[in-house]
Amino acid sequence: LPLPGGFGMRRALTAMDRLASRLPPSGND
């Protein structure tokens, strides 16, 4: 669902935080 401004950004950042927690703790930036 499209979310305006800050709400959309918050959803995206939360998803990327969850991605970071699932990625193996190794590799390159």
All heavy atoms as atom14 arrays in JSON, in Angstrom:
{
  "sequence": "LPLPGGFGMRRALTAMDRLASRLPPSGND",
  "atom14_mask": [
    [1, 1, 1, 1, 1, 1, 1, 1, 0, 0, 0, 0, 0, 0],
    [1, 1, 1, 1, 1, 1, 1, 0, 0, 0, 0, 0, 0, 0],
    [1, 1, 1, 1, 1, 1, 1, 1, 0, 0, 0, 0, 0, 0],
    [1, 1, 1, 1, 1, 1, 1, 0, 0, 0, 0, 0, 0, 0],
    [1, 1, 1, 1, 0, 0, 0, 0, 0, 0, 0, 0, 0, 0],
    [1, 1, 1, 1, 0, 0, 0, 0, 0, 0, 0, 0, 0, 0],
    [1, 1, 1, 1, 1, 1, 1, 1, 1, 1, 1, 0, 0, 0],
    [1, 1, 1, 1, 0, 0, 0, 0, 0, 0, 0, 0, 0, 0],
    [1, 1, 1, 1, 1, 1, 1, 1, 0, 0, 0, 0, 0, 0],
    [1, 1, 1, 1, 1, 1, 1, 1, 1, 1, 1, 0, 0, 0],
    [1, 1, 1, 1, 1, 1, 1, 1, 1, 1, 1, 0, 0, 0],
    [1, 1, 1, 1, 1, 0, 0, 0, 0, 0, 0, 0, 0, 0],
    [1, 1, 1, 1, 1, 1, 1, 1, 0, 0, 0, 0, 0, 0],
    [1, 1, 1, 1, 1, 1, 1, 0, 0, 0, 0, 0, 0, 0],
    [1, 1, 1, 1, 1, 0, 0, 0, 0, 0, 0, 0, 0, 0],
    [1, 1, 1, 1, 1, 1, 1, 1, 0, 0, 0, 0, 0, 0],
    [1, 1, 1, 1, 1, 1, 1, 1, 0, 0, 0, 0, 0, 0],
    [1, 1, 1, 1, 1, 1, 1, 1, 1, 1, 1, 0, 0, 0],
    [1, 1, 1, 1, 1, 1, 1, 1, 0, 0, 0, 0, 0, 0],
    [1, 1, 1, 1, 1, 0, 0, 0, 0, 0, 0, 0, 0, 0],
    [1, 1, 1, 1, 1, 1, 0, 0, 0, 0, 0, 0, 0, 0],
    [1, 1, 1, 1, 1, 1, 1, 1, 1, 1, 1, 0, 0, 0],
    [1, 1, 1, 1, 1, 1, 1, 1, 0, 0, 0, 0, 0, 0],
    [1, 1, 1, 1, 1, 1, 1, 0, 0, 0, 0, 0, 0, 0],
    [1, 1, 1, 1, 1, 1, 1, 0, 0, 0, 0, 0, 0, 0],
    [1, 1, 1, 1, 1, 1, 0, 0, 0, 0, 0, 0, 0, 0],
    [1, 1, 1, 1, 0, 0, 0, 0, 0, 0, 0, 0, 0, 0],
    [1, 1, 1, 1, 1, 1, 1, 1, 0, 0, 0, 0, 0, 0],
    [1, 1, 1, 1, 1, 1, 1, 1, 0, 0, 0, 0, 0, 0]
  ],
  "atom14_positions": [
    [[0.85, -1.19, 0.0], [0.0, 0.0, 0.0], [0.88, 1.24, 0.0], [1.86, 1.31, 0.74], [-0.89, 0.02, 1.24], [-1.95, -1.07, 1.33], [-2.63, -1.02, 2.69], [-2.96, -0.91, 0.22], [0.0, 0.0, 0.0], [0.0, 0.0, 0.0], [0.0, 0.0, 0.0], [0.0, 0.0, 0.0], [0.0, 0.0, 0.0], [0.0, 0.0, 0.0]],
    [[0.56, 2.22, -0.82], [1.36, 3.45, -0.81], [1.14, 4.2, 0.5], [0.01, 4.32, 0.98], [0.82, 4.24, -2.01], [-0.5, 3.64, -2.34], [-0.52, 2.25, -1.81], [0.0, 0.0, 0.0], [0.0, 0.0, 0.0], [0.0, 0.0, 0.0], [0.0, 0.0, 0.0], [0.0, 0.0, 0.0], [0.0, 0.0, 0.0], [0.0, 0.0, 0.0]],
    [[2.23, 4.64, 1.07], [2.17, 5.43, 2.3], [2.85, 6.76, 2.05], [3.87, 6.83, 1.38], [2.9, 4.7, 3.44], [2.32, 3.37, 3.89], [3.22, 2.74, 4.94], [0.92, 3.57, 4.45], [0.0, 0.0, 0.0], [0.0, 0.0, 0.0], [0.0, 0.0, 0.0], [0.0, 0.0, 0.0], [0.0, 0.0, 0.0], [0.0, 0.0, 0.0]],
    [[2.29, 7.84, 2.59], [2.88, 9.16, 2.35], [4.18, 9.35, 3.13], [4.34, 8.83, 4.23], [1.8, 10.12, 2.83], [1.02, 9.34, 3.83], [1.07, 7.9, 3.38], [0.0, 0.0, 0.0], [0.0, 0.0, 0.0], [0.0, 0.0, 0.0], [0.0, 0.0, 0.0], [0.0, 0.0, 0.0], [0.0, 0.0, 0.0], [0.0, 0.0, 0.0]],
    [[5.09, 10.1, 2.51], [6.32, 10.59, 3.11], [6.94, 9.77, 4.21], [7.47, 8.7, 4.0], [0.0, 0.0, 0.0], [0.0, 0.0, 0.0], [0.0, 0.0, 0.0], [0.0, 0.0, 0.0], [0.0, 0.0, 0.0], [0.0, 0.0, 0.0], [0.0, 0.0, 0.0], [0.0, 0.0, 0.0], [0.0, 0.0, 0.0], [0.0, 0.0, 0.0]],
    [[6.88, 10.31, 5.43], [7.54, 9.7, 6.57], [7.05, 8.3, 6.89], [7.81, 7.46, 7.37], [0.0, 0.0, 0.0], [0.0, 0.0, 0.0], [0.0, 0.0, 0.0], [0.0, 0.0, 0.0], [0.0, 0.0, 0.0], [0.0, 0.0, 0.0], [0.0, 0.0, 0.0], [0.0, 0.0, 0.0], [0.0, 0.0, 0.0], [0.0, 0.0, 0.0]],
    [[5.77, 8.02, 6.64], [5.24, 6.68, 6.92], [5.86, 5.66, 5.96], [6.22, 4.56, 6.36], [3.71, 6.66, 6.79], [3.02, 7.51, 7.81], [2.43, 8.71, 7.43], [2.98, 7.14, 9.14], [1.79, 9.51, 8.36], [2.35, 7.94, 10.09], [1.75, 9.13, 9.7], [0.0, 0.0, 0.0], [0.0, 0.0, 0.0], [0.0, 0.0, 0.0]],
    [[5.97, 6.02, 4.7], [6.61, 5.14, 3.73], [8.08, 4.93, 4.04], [8.6, 3.82, 3.95], [0.0, 0.0, 0.0], [0.0, 0.0, 0.0], [0.0, 0.0, 0.0], [0.0, 0.0, 0.0], [0.0, 0.0, 0.0], [0.0, 0.0, 0.0], [0.0, 0.0, 0.0], [0.0, 0.0, 0.0], [0.0, 0.0, 0.0], [0.0, 0.0, 0.0]],
    [[8.74, 6.01, 4.42], [10.16, 5.91, 4.78], [10.35, 5.01, 5.99], [11.25, 4.18, 6.01], [10.7, 7.32, 5.05], [12.16, 7.35, 5.39], [13.15, 7.0, 3.95], [14.72, 7.57, 4.5], [0.0, 0.0, 0.0], [0.0, 0.0, 0.0], [0.0, 0.0, 0.0], [0.0, 0.0, 0.0], [0.0, 0.0, 0.0], [0.0, 0.0, 0.0]],
    [[9.49, 5.14, 6.98], [9.59, 4.3, 8.19], [9.41, 2.83, 7.83], [10.15, 1.98, 8.3], [8.53, 4.75, 9.21], [8.44, 3.92, 10.46], [9.68, 3.76, 11.32], [10.56, 4.87, 11.4], [11.89, 4.78, 11.54], [12.47, 3.6, 11.62], [12.64, 5.84, 11.6], [0.0, 0.0, 0.0], [0.0, 0.0, 0.0], [0.0, 0.0, 0.0]],
    [[8.43, 2.51, 6.96], [8.22, 1.11, 6.56], [9.46, 0.59, 5.83], [9.91, -0.54, 6.09], [6.99, 0.99, 5.67], [6.74, -0.45, 5.2], [5.48, -0.62, 4.41], [5.52, 0.16, 3.17], [4.46, 0.42, 2.42], [3.26, -0.03, 2.76], [4.57, 1.12, 1.31], [0.0, 0.0, 0.0], [0.0, 0.0, 0.0], [0.0, 0.0, 0.0]],
    [[10.02, 1.39, 4.94], [11.21, 0.97, 4.19], [12.4, 0.75, 5.11], [13.13, -0.25, 4.99], [11.54, 2.0, 3.11], [0.0, 0.0, 0.0], [0.0, 0.0, 0.0], [0.0, 0.0, 0.0], [0.0, 0.0, 0.0], [0.0, 0.0, 0.0], [0.0, 0.0, 0.0], [0.0, 0.0, 0.0], [0.0, 0.0, 0.0], [0.0, 0.0, 0.0]],
    [[12.61, 1.67, 6.05], [13.74, 1.53, 6.98], [13.58, 0.32, 7.89], [14.54, -0.38, 8.19], [13.91, 2.8, 7.8], [14.38, 4.03, 7.02], [14.43, 5.25, 7.93], [15.71, 3.79, 6.35], [0.0, 0.0, 0.0], [0.0, 0.0, 0.0], [0.0, 0.0, 0.0], [0.0, 0.0, 0.0], [0.0, 0.0, 0.0], [0.0, 0.0, 0.0]],
    [[12.34, 0.07, 8.32], [12.08, -1.12, 9.14], [12.39, -2.38, 8.35], [13.01, -3.31, 8.88], [10.62, -1.12, 9.63], [10.4, 0.05, 10.42], [10.3, -2.36, 10.44], [0.0, 0.0, 0.0], [0.0, 0.0, 0.0], [0.0, 0.0, 0.0], [0.0, 0.0, 0.0], [0.0, 0.0, 0.0], [0.0, 0.0, 0.0], [0.0, 0.0, 0.0]],
    [[11.98, -2.43, 7.09], [12.26, -3.59, 6.25], [13.77, -3.77, 6.06], [14.28, -4.89, 6.13], [11.56, -3.45, 4.9], [0.0, 0.0, 0.0], [0.0, 0.0, 0.0], [0.0, 0.0, 0.0], [0.0, 0.0, 0.0], [0.0, 0.0, 0.0], [0.0, 0.0, 0.0], [0.0, 0.0, 0.0], [0.0, 0.0, 0.0], [0.0, 0.0, 0.0]],
    [[14.48, -2.68, 5.86], [15.93, -2.8, 5.68], [16.64, -3.19, 6.97], [17.63, -3.92, 6.94], [16.5, -1.52, 5.07], [16.12, -1.41, 3.6], [16.94, -0.1, 2.72], [16.06, 1.32, 3.35], [0.0, 0.0, 0.0], [0.0, 0.0, 0.0], [0.0, 0.0, 0.0], [0.0, 0.0, 0.0], [0.0, 0.0, 0.0], [0.0, 0.0, 0.0]],
    [[16.13, -2.75, 8.11], [16.67, -3.19, 9.4], [16.48, -4.7, 9.56], [17.37, -5.41, 10.01], [16.02, -2.46, 10.57], [16.55, -1.06, 10.77], [17.66, -0.76, 10.32], [15.82, -0.24, 11.38], [0.0, 0.0, 0.0], [0.0, 0.0, 0.0], [0.0, 0.0, 0.0], [0.0, 0.0, 0.0], [0.0, 0.0, 0.0], [0.0, 0.0, 0.0]],
    [[15.3, -5.17, 9.17], [15.02, -6.62, 9.24], [15.92, -7.38, 8.28], [16.4, -8.47, 8.6], [13.55, -6.88, 8.96], [12.63, -6.39, 10.08], [11.18, -6.63, 9.8], [10.9, -8.03, 9.57], [9.93, -8.47, 8.78], [9.13, -7.62, 8.16], [9.74, -9.75, 8.6], [0.0, 0.0, 0.0], [0.0, 0.0, 0.0], [0.0, 0.0, 0.0]],
    [[16.16, -6.82, 7.1], [17.08, -7.43, 6.15], [18.47, -7.53, 6.77], [19.1, -8.59, 6.71], [17.14, -6.6, 4.86], [18.31, -6.9, 3.91], [18.22, -8.32, 3.37], [18.34, -5.88, 2.78], [0.0, 0.0, 0.0], [0.0, 0.0, 0.0], [0.0, 0.0, 0.0], [0.0, 0.0, 0.0], [0.0, 0.0, 0.0], [0.0, 0.0, 0.0]],
    [[18.95, -6.46, 7.37], [20.28, -6.45, 7.98], [20.4, -7.52, 9.06], [21.46, -8.15, 9.19], [20.58, -5.07, 8.56], [0.0, 0.0, 0.0], [0.0, 0.0, 0.0], [0.0, 0.0, 0.0], [0.0, 0.0, 0.0], [0.0, 0.0, 0.0], [0.0, 0.0, 0.0], [0.0, 0.0, 0.0], [0.0, 0.0, 0.0], [0.0, 0.0, 0.0]],
    [[19.32, -7.76, 9.8], [19.38, -8.77, 10.86], [19.39, -10.19, 10.29], [19.83, -11.12, 10.97], [18.22, -8.6, 11.83], [16.99, -8.96, 11.23], [0.0, 0.0, 0.0], [0.0, 0.0, 0.0], [0.0, 0.0, 0.0], [0.0, 0.0, 0.0], [0.0, 0.0, 0.0], [0.0, 0.0, 0.0], [0.0, 0.0, 0.0], [0.0, 0.0, 0.0]],
    [[18.92, -10.37, 9.05], [18.9, -11.7, 8.43], [20.16, -12.01, 7.63], [20.49, -13.17, 7.42], [17.69, -11.84, 7.52], [16.39, -11.96, 8.32], [15.21, -12.18, 7.45], [15.17, -13.52, 6.9], [14.05, -14.1, 6.46], [12.91, -13.44, 6.53], [14.07, -15.3, 5.96], [0.0, 0.0, 0.0], [0.0, 0.0, 0.0], [0.0, 0.0, 0.0]],
    [[20.85, -10.97, 7.16], [22.06, -11.21, 6.37], [23.15, -11.82, 7.24], [23.28, -11.47, 8.42], [22.57, -9.9, 5.77], [21.76, -9.31, 4.64], [22.27, -7.9, 4.29], [21.8, -10.21, 3.41], [0.0, 0.0, 0.0], [0.0, 0.0, 0.0], [0.0, 0.0, 0.0], [0.0, 0.0, 0.0], [0.0, 0.0, 0.0], [0.0, 0.0, 0.0]],
    [[23.95, -12.71, 6.67], [25.05, -13.28, 7.45], [26.02, -12.17, 7.88], [26.24, -11.22, 7.12], [25.72, -14.26, 6.49], [25.01, -14.19, 5.2], [23.88, -13.23, 5.31], [0.0, 0.0, 0.0], [0.0, 0.0, 0.0], [0.0, 0.0, 0.0], [0.0, 0.0, 0.0], [0.0, 0.0, 0.0], [0.0, 0.0, 0.0], [0.0, 0.0, 0.0]],
    [[26.59, -12.3, 9.07], [27.49, -11.25, 9.57], [28.89, -11.37, 8.97], [29.89, -11.42, 9.68], [27.49, -11.48, 11.08], [27.25, -12.94, 11.22], [26.35, -13.33, 10.08], [0.0, 0.0, 0.0], [0.0, 0.0, 0.0], [0.0, 0.0, 0.0], [0.0, 0.0, 0.0], [0.0, 0.0, 0.0], [0.0, 0.0, 0.0], [0.0, 0.0, 0.0]],
    [[28.94, -11.45, 7.67], [30.22, -11.53, 6.96], [30.02, -10.97, 5.56], [28.89, -10.8, 5.1], [30.7, -12.97, 6.88], [29.76, -13.75, 6.16], [0.0, 0.0, 0.0], [0.0, 0.0, 0.0], [0.0, 0.0, 0.0], [0.0, 0.0, 0.0], [0.0, 0.0, 0.0], [0.0, 0.0, 0.0], [0.0, 0.0, 0.0], [0.0, 0.0, 0.0]],
    [[31.11, -10.68, 4.9], [31.02, -10.17, 3.55], [31.47, -8.73, 3.46], [31.98, -8.14, 4.42], [0.0, 0.0, 0.0], [0.0, 0.0, 0.0], [0.0, 0.0, 0.0], [0.0, 0.0, 0.0], [0.0, 0.0, 0.0], [0.0, 0.0, 0.0], [0.0, 0.0, 0.0], [0.0, 0.0, 0.0], [0.0, 0.0, 0.0], [0.0, 0.0, 0.0]],
    [[31.29, -8.17, 2.28], [31.73, -6.81, 2.0], [30.58, -5.82, 2.1], [29.42, -6.17, 1.9], [32.34, -6.74, 0.6], [33.56, -7.63, 0.48], [34.41, -7.66, 1.36], [33.64, -8.37, -0.6], [0.0, 0.0, 0.0], [0.0, 0.0, 0.0], [0.0, 0.0, 0.0], [0.0, 0.0, 0.0], [0.0, 0.0, 0.0], [0.0, 0.0, 0.0]],
    [[30.91, -4.58, 2.38], [29.92, -3.51, 2.4], [29.29, -3.38, 1.02], [29.91, -3.7, 0.01], [30.58, -2.18, 2.77], [31.21, -2.19, 4.15], [30.97, -3.14, 4.92], [31.95, -1.25, 4.45], [0.0, 0.0, 0.0], [0.0, 0.0, 0.0], [0.0, 0.0, 0.0], [0.0, 0.0, 0.0], [0.0, 0.0, 0.0], [0.0, 0.0, 0.0]]
  ]
}
